[in-house]
Amino acid sequence: VGLVESGGGLVQPGGSLRLSCTAPGVPFTINAMGWYRQAPGKERELIARVTSRGAPDYADSVKGRFTISRDNAKKSVTLQMDNLKPEDTAVYYCNRNPPYSTWGKGTMVTVSR
């Protein structure tokens, strides 16, 4: 499905990052999309999703700090992450929600001083 994530990096606590994802192979307009993350030693988890109509939903751990949005014309999904915390350190992935079995490479986010 060609999922490609970008925008990760190293940021200090309290900082911001904006992640982007393109999904050229996904039937985009009929699918909810999600951002997932996998921290070291932990299982991958869904942290934000957006329905095909643009309604967002968030895990409690990121609610009020992260904002998910989508552009159906560009088949892209973004995740604006503000007030980042060290516990947000993880590899971030986008995928359909529920996810396809194939994942992209993800983008690494490291929150540290």
N, C-alpha and C. Protein backbone atom coordinates (compact mmCIF):
# COMPACT_ATOMS: atom_id res chain seq x y z
N VAL A 1 0.81 -1.21 0.00
CA VAL A 1 0.00 0.00 0.00
C VAL A 1 0.84 1.26 0.00
N GLY A 2 2.17 1.12 0.13
CA GLY A 2 3.07 2.25 -0.03
C GLY A 2 3.02 3.30 1.03
N LEU A 3 2.88 2.91 2.27
CA LEU A 3 2.83 3.89 3.36
C LEU A 3 4.22 4.45 3.62
N VAL A 4 4.33 5.76 3.65
CA VAL A 4 5.62 6.42 3.89
C VAL A 4 5.43 7.51 4.93
N GLU A 5 6.14 7.37 6.02
CA GLU A 5 6.08 8.34 7.11
C GLU A 5 7.34 9.21 7.10
N SER A 6 7.19 10.45 7.55
CA SER A 6 8.34 11.35 7.63
C SER A 6 8.10 12.40 8.70
N GLY A 7 9.16 13.09 9.06
CA GLY A 7 9.02 14.22 9.97
C GLY A 7 9.54 13.99 11.37
N GLY A 8 10.02 12.80 11.67
CA GLY A 8 10.53 12.54 13.00
C GLY A 8 11.86 13.21 13.24
N GLY A 9 12.33 13.09 14.48
CA GLY A 9 13.62 13.68 14.83
C GLY A 9 13.80 13.74 16.32
N LEU A 10 14.81 14.49 16.71
CA LEU A 10 15.14 14.69 18.12
C LEU A 10 14.60 16.04 18.56
N VAL A 11 13.88 16.06 19.65
CA VAL A 11 13.30 17.30 20.15
C VAL A 11 13.35 17.29 21.67
N GLN A 12 13.46 18.47 22.24
CA GLN A 12 13.48 18.58 23.70
C GLN A 12 12.07 18.48 24.26
N PRO A 13 11.96 18.07 25.51
CA PRO A 13 10.63 18.06 26.15
C PRO A 13 9.97 19.43 26.04
N GLY A 14 8.67 19.40 25.74
CA GLY A 14 7.94 20.64 25.52
C GLY A 14 7.94 21.11 24.09
N GLY A 15 8.74 20.50 23.27
CA GLY A 15 8.85 20.91 21.87
C GLY A 15 7.75 20.30 21.01
N SER A 16 7.85 20.59 19.70
CA SER A 16 6.84 20.15 18.75
C SER A 16 7.47 19.49 17.54
N LEU A 17 6.71 18.60 16.94
CA LEU A 17 7.07 17.99 15.66
C LEU A 17 5.80 17.79 14.86
N ARG A 18 5.96 17.76 13.55
CA ARG A 18 4.84 17.50 12.66
C ARG A 18 5.19 16.30 11.78
N LEU A 19 4.45 15.24 11.93
CA LEU A 19 4.67 14.04 11.13
C LEU A 19 3.74 14.03 9.94
N SER A 20 4.24 13.48 8.84
CA SER A 20 3.44 13.36 7.63
C SER A 20 3.46 11.93 7.13
N CYS A 21 2.40 11.56 6.46
CA CYS A 21 2.29 10.22 5.90
C CYS A 21 1.59 10.30 4.55
N THR A 22 2.14 9.62 3.58
CA THR A 22 1.44 9.47 2.31
C THR A 22 1.06 8.01 2.14
N ALA A 23 -0.08 7.81 1.53
CA ALA A 23 -0.63 6.45 1.40
C ALA A 23 -1.22 6.27 0.02
N PRO A 24 -0.38 6.26 -0.99
CA PRO A 24 -0.90 6.25 -2.36
C PRO A 24 -1.69 5.02 -2.74
N GLY A 25 -1.45 3.89 -2.06
CA GLY A 25 -2.13 2.66 -2.41
C GLY A 25 -3.39 2.38 -1.61
N VAL A 26 -3.75 3.27 -0.73
CA VAL A 26 -4.92 3.07 0.13
C VAL A 26 -6.15 3.69 -0.52
N PRO A 27 -7.26 2.98 -0.55
CA PRO A 27 -8.53 3.59 -0.98
C PRO A 27 -8.92 4.64 0.05
N PHE A 28 -8.38 5.84 -0.14
CA PHE A 28 -8.27 6.77 0.98
C PHE A 28 -9.60 7.30 1.45
N THR A 29 -10.46 7.65 0.54
CA THR A 29 -11.66 8.38 0.93
C THR A 29 -12.66 7.53 1.69
N ILE A 30 -12.49 6.21 1.68
CA ILE A 30 -13.45 5.35 2.36
C ILE A 30 -12.91 4.73 3.63
N ASN A 31 -11.66 5.07 3.97
CA ASN A 31 -11.03 4.45 5.12
C ASN A 31 -10.67 5.45 6.20
N ALA A 32 -10.87 5.03 7.44
CA ALA A 32 -10.28 5.76 8.55
C ALA A 32 -8.78 5.50 8.52
N MET A 33 -8.02 6.49 8.95
CA MET A 33 -6.56 6.38 9.02
C MET A 33 -6.12 6.63 10.45
N GLY A 34 -4.99 6.04 10.78
CA GLY A 34 -4.51 6.18 12.15
C GLY A 34 -3.02 6.39 12.21
N TRP A 35 -2.60 7.00 13.30
CA TRP A 35 -1.19 7.04 13.66
C TRP A 35 -0.98 6.08 14.83
N TYR A 36 0.06 5.30 14.72
CA TYR A 36 0.41 4.32 15.72
C TYR A 36 1.85 4.60 16.16
N ARG A 37 2.21 4.07 17.31
CA ARG A 37 3.60 4.20 17.73
C ARG A 37 4.03 2.96 18.49
N GLN A 38 5.32 2.70 18.42
CA GLN A 38 5.91 1.58 19.14
C GLN A 38 7.13 2.06 19.89
N ALA A 39 7.01 2.09 21.18
CA ALA A 39 8.13 2.49 22.03
C ALA A 39 9.05 1.29 22.27
N PRO A 40 10.30 1.53 22.62
CA PRO A 40 11.23 0.43 22.88
C PRO A 40 10.69 -0.55 23.91
N GLY A 41 10.66 -1.82 23.54
CA GLY A 41 10.21 -2.84 24.47
C GLY A 41 8.71 -2.95 24.65
N LYS A 42 7.97 -2.19 23.85
CA LYS A 42 6.50 -2.20 23.99
C LYS A 42 5.84 -2.57 22.67
N GLU A 43 4.58 -2.92 22.75
CA GLU A 43 3.82 -3.25 21.55
C GLU A 43 3.37 -1.97 20.84
N ARG A 44 3.12 -2.10 19.58
CA ARG A 44 2.61 -0.97 18.81
C ARG A 44 1.19 -0.65 19.28
N GLU A 45 0.91 0.65 19.38
CA GLU A 45 -0.39 1.09 19.86
C GLU A 45 -0.94 2.19 18.97
N LEU A 46 -2.26 2.22 18.88
CA LEU A 46 -2.95 3.28 18.15
C LEU A 46 -3.04 4.49 19.07
N ILE A 47 -2.63 5.66 18.57
CA ILE A 47 -2.68 6.85 19.41
C ILE A 47 -3.63 7.91 18.85
N ALA A 48 -3.92 7.86 17.58
CA ALA A 48 -4.83 8.84 16.99
C ALA A 48 -5.42 8.26 15.72
N ARG A 49 -6.68 8.56 15.48
CA ARG A 49 -7.32 8.11 14.25
C ARG A 49 -8.21 9.22 13.73
N VAL A 50 -8.46 9.18 12.45
CA VAL A 50 -9.35 10.15 11.84
C VAL A 50 -10.24 9.40 10.87
N THR A 51 -11.54 9.61 10.97
CA THR A 51 -12.47 8.90 10.10
C THR A 51 -12.38 9.44 8.68
N SER A 52 -13.03 8.74 7.78
CA SER A 52 -13.03 9.19 6.38
C SER A 52 -13.63 10.58 6.23
N ARG A 53 -14.46 10.97 7.17
CA ARG A 53 -15.08 12.30 7.12
C ARG A 53 -14.31 13.33 7.92
N GLY A 54 -13.21 12.91 8.54
CA GLY A 54 -12.35 13.88 9.22
C GLY A 54 -12.56 14.01 10.71
N ALA A 55 -13.36 13.14 11.31
CA ALA A 55 -13.58 13.22 12.75
C ALA A 55 -12.41 12.54 13.48
N PRO A 56 -11.75 13.27 14.39
CA PRO A 56 -10.59 12.71 15.07
C PRO A 56 -10.95 12.02 16.39
N ASP A 57 -10.04 11.17 16.82
CA ASP A 57 -10.15 10.52 18.11
C ASP A 57 -8.74 10.24 18.60
N TYR A 58 -8.52 10.29 19.91
CA TYR A 58 -7.18 10.19 20.45
C TYR A 58 -7.11 9.26 21.66
N ALA A 59 -5.97 8.65 21.83
CA ALA A 59 -5.70 7.94 23.06
C ALA A 59 -5.54 8.96 24.19
N ASP A 60 -5.87 8.54 25.38
CA ASP A 60 -5.77 9.46 26.52
C ASP A 60 -4.36 10.02 26.69
N SER A 61 -3.37 9.23 26.34
CA SER A 61 -1.98 9.63 26.56
C SER A 61 -1.57 10.83 25.70
N VAL A 62 -2.28 11.10 24.62
CA VAL A 62 -1.89 12.19 23.72
C VAL A 62 -2.99 13.24 23.57
N LYS A 63 -4.14 12.99 24.15
CA LYS A 63 -5.25 13.90 24.00
C LYS A 63 -4.89 15.28 24.52
N GLY A 64 -5.21 16.30 23.74
CA GLY A 64 -4.91 17.67 24.12
C GLY A 64 -3.52 18.13 23.69
N ARG A 65 -2.68 17.20 23.22
CA ARG A 65 -1.33 17.57 22.79
C ARG A 65 -1.09 17.27 21.31
N PHE A 66 -1.74 16.26 20.80
CA PHE A 66 -1.56 15.84 19.40
C PHE A 66 -2.83 16.17 18.60
N THR A 67 -2.63 16.47 17.32
CA THR A 67 -3.75 16.75 16.43
C THR A 67 -3.54 16.00 15.13
N ILE A 68 -4.52 15.19 14.77
CA ILE A 68 -4.45 14.43 13.52
C ILE A 68 -5.34 15.11 12.48
N SER A 69 -4.88 15.09 11.24
CA SER A 69 -5.68 15.65 10.16
C SER A 69 -5.37 14.88 8.88
N ARG A 70 -6.24 15.04 7.90
CA ARG A 70 -6.05 14.31 6.65
C ARG A 70 -6.38 15.20 5.47
N ASP A 71 -5.76 14.89 4.35
CA ASP A 71 -6.03 15.56 3.09
C ASP A 71 -6.36 14.46 2.07
N ASN A 72 -7.63 14.29 1.80
CA ASN A 72 -8.05 13.19 0.93
C ASN A 72 -7.52 13.37 -0.49
N ALA A 73 -7.43 14.58 -0.95
CA ALA A 73 -6.94 14.82 -2.31
C ALA A 73 -5.49 14.40 -2.47
N LYS A 74 -4.71 14.58 -1.42
CA LYS A 74 -3.29 14.23 -1.48
C LYS A 74 -3.02 12.84 -0.90
N LYS A 75 -4.06 12.19 -0.40
CA LYS A 75 -3.89 10.89 0.26
C LYS A 75 -2.81 10.99 1.34
N SER A 76 -2.95 11.97 2.19
CA SER A 76 -1.96 12.17 3.24
C SER A 76 -2.63 12.38 4.59
N VAL A 77 -1.87 12.04 5.61
CA VAL A 77 -2.32 12.22 6.99
C VAL A 77 -1.19 12.89 7.76
N THR A 78 -1.51 13.84 8.59
CA THR A 78 -0.49 14.50 9.40
C THR A 78 -0.80 14.33 10.88
N LEU A 79 0.24 14.43 11.67
CA LEU A 79 0.11 14.40 13.12
C LEU A 79 0.94 15.54 13.68
N GLN A 80 0.26 16.54 14.18
CA GLN A 80 0.92 17.66 14.86
C GLN A 80 1.08 17.29 16.32
N MET A 81 2.31 17.28 16.77
CA MET A 81 2.60 16.86 18.14
C MET A 81 3.19 18.03 18.90
N ASP A 82 2.51 18.47 19.92
CA ASP A 82 2.96 19.59 20.75
C ASP A 82 3.18 19.13 22.18
N ASN A 83 3.93 19.94 22.91
CA ASN A 83 4.22 19.63 24.32
C ASN A 83 4.69 18.18 24.47
N LEU A 84 5.67 17.84 23.68
CA LEU A 84 6.17 16.47 23.68
C LEU A 84 6.84 16.12 25.00
N LYS A 85 6.70 14.86 25.37
CA LYS A 85 7.25 14.35 26.62
C LYS A 85 8.22 13.20 26.32
N PRO A 86 9.14 12.92 27.22
CA PRO A 86 10.06 11.80 26.98
C PRO A 86 9.34 10.48 26.70
N GLU A 87 8.19 10.29 27.31
CA GLU A 87 7.46 9.04 27.08
C GLU A 87 6.82 8.96 25.70
N ASP A 88 6.91 10.03 24.92
CA ASP A 88 6.45 9.99 23.54
C ASP A 88 7.51 9.40 22.61
N THR A 89 8.68 9.16 23.13
CA THR A 89 9.75 8.57 22.32
C THR A 89 9.32 7.21 21.78
N ALA A 90 9.36 7.08 20.45
CA ALA A 90 8.88 5.85 19.81
C ALA A 90 9.10 5.97 18.30
N VAL A 91 8.88 4.86 17.62
CA VAL A 91 8.77 4.89 16.17
C VAL A 91 7.29 5.07 15.84
N TYR A 92 7.01 6.04 14.99
CA TYR A 92 5.63 6.38 14.65
C TYR A 92 5.30 5.88 13.25
N TYR A 93 4.13 5.27 13.13
CA TYR A 93 3.67 4.70 11.87
C TYR A 93 2.27 5.21 11.55
N CYS A 94 1.97 5.31 10.29
CA CYS A 94 0.58 5.51 9.91
C CYS A 94 0.09 4.27 9.19
N ASN A 95 -1.20 4.06 9.25
CA ASN A 95 -1.82 2.93 8.57
C ASN A 95 -3.32 3.16 8.58
N ARG A 96 -3.99 2.36 7.80
CA ARG A 96 -5.43 2.37 7.88
C ARG A 96 -5.84 1.97 9.30
N ASN A 97 -7.05 2.33 9.68
CA ASN A 97 -7.61 1.86 10.94
C ASN A 97 -8.92 1.16 10.64
N PRO A 98 -9.00 -0.18 10.84
CA PRO A 98 -7.95 -1.07 11.33
C PRO A 98 -6.81 -1.23 10.34
N PRO A 99 -5.63 -1.59 10.81
CA PRO A 99 -4.47 -1.55 9.95
C PRO A 99 -4.36 -2.71 8.97
N TYR A 100 -3.73 -2.40 7.83
CA TYR A 100 -3.28 -3.45 6.94
C TYR A 100 -2.15 -4.23 7.63
N SER A 101 -1.89 -5.42 7.12
CA SER A 101 -0.80 -6.22 7.67
C SER A 101 0.57 -5.66 7.26
N THR A 102 0.61 -4.90 6.19
CA THR A 102 1.86 -4.29 5.72
C THR A 102 2.02 -2.90 6.32
N TRP A 103 3.21 -2.65 6.86
CA TRP A 103 3.49 -1.37 7.49
C TRP A 103 4.64 -0.67 6.76
N GLY A 104 4.68 0.63 6.88
CA GLY A 104 5.82 1.39 6.39
C GLY A 104 7.00 1.26 7.34
N LYS A 105 8.06 2.00 7.05
CA LYS A 105 9.25 1.93 7.88
C LYS A 105 9.11 2.75 9.15
N GLY A 106 8.16 3.65 9.18
CA GLY A 106 7.97 4.49 10.35
C GLY A 106 8.97 5.64 10.38
N THR A 107 8.78 6.51 11.35
CA THR A 107 9.69 7.62 11.57
C THR A 107 9.96 7.74 13.06
N MET A 108 11.23 7.88 13.40
CA MET A 108 11.63 7.86 14.81
C MET A 108 11.47 9.23 15.44
N VAL A 109 10.85 9.26 16.60
CA VAL A 109 10.72 10.48 17.39
C VAL A 109 11.42 10.24 18.72
N THR A 110 12.37 11.11 19.02
CA THR A 110 13.09 11.02 20.28
C THR A 110 12.90 12.32 21.03
N VAL A 111 12.39 12.22 22.25
CA VAL A 111 12.16 13.40 23.08
C VAL A 111 13.14 13.32 24.25
N SER A 112 14.11 14.19 24.24
CA SER A 112 15.17 14.13 25.24
C SER A 112 15.89 15.47 25.32
N ARG A 113 16.48 15.73 26.49
CA ARG A 113 17.25 16.97 26.66
C ARG A 113 18.63 16.81 26.04
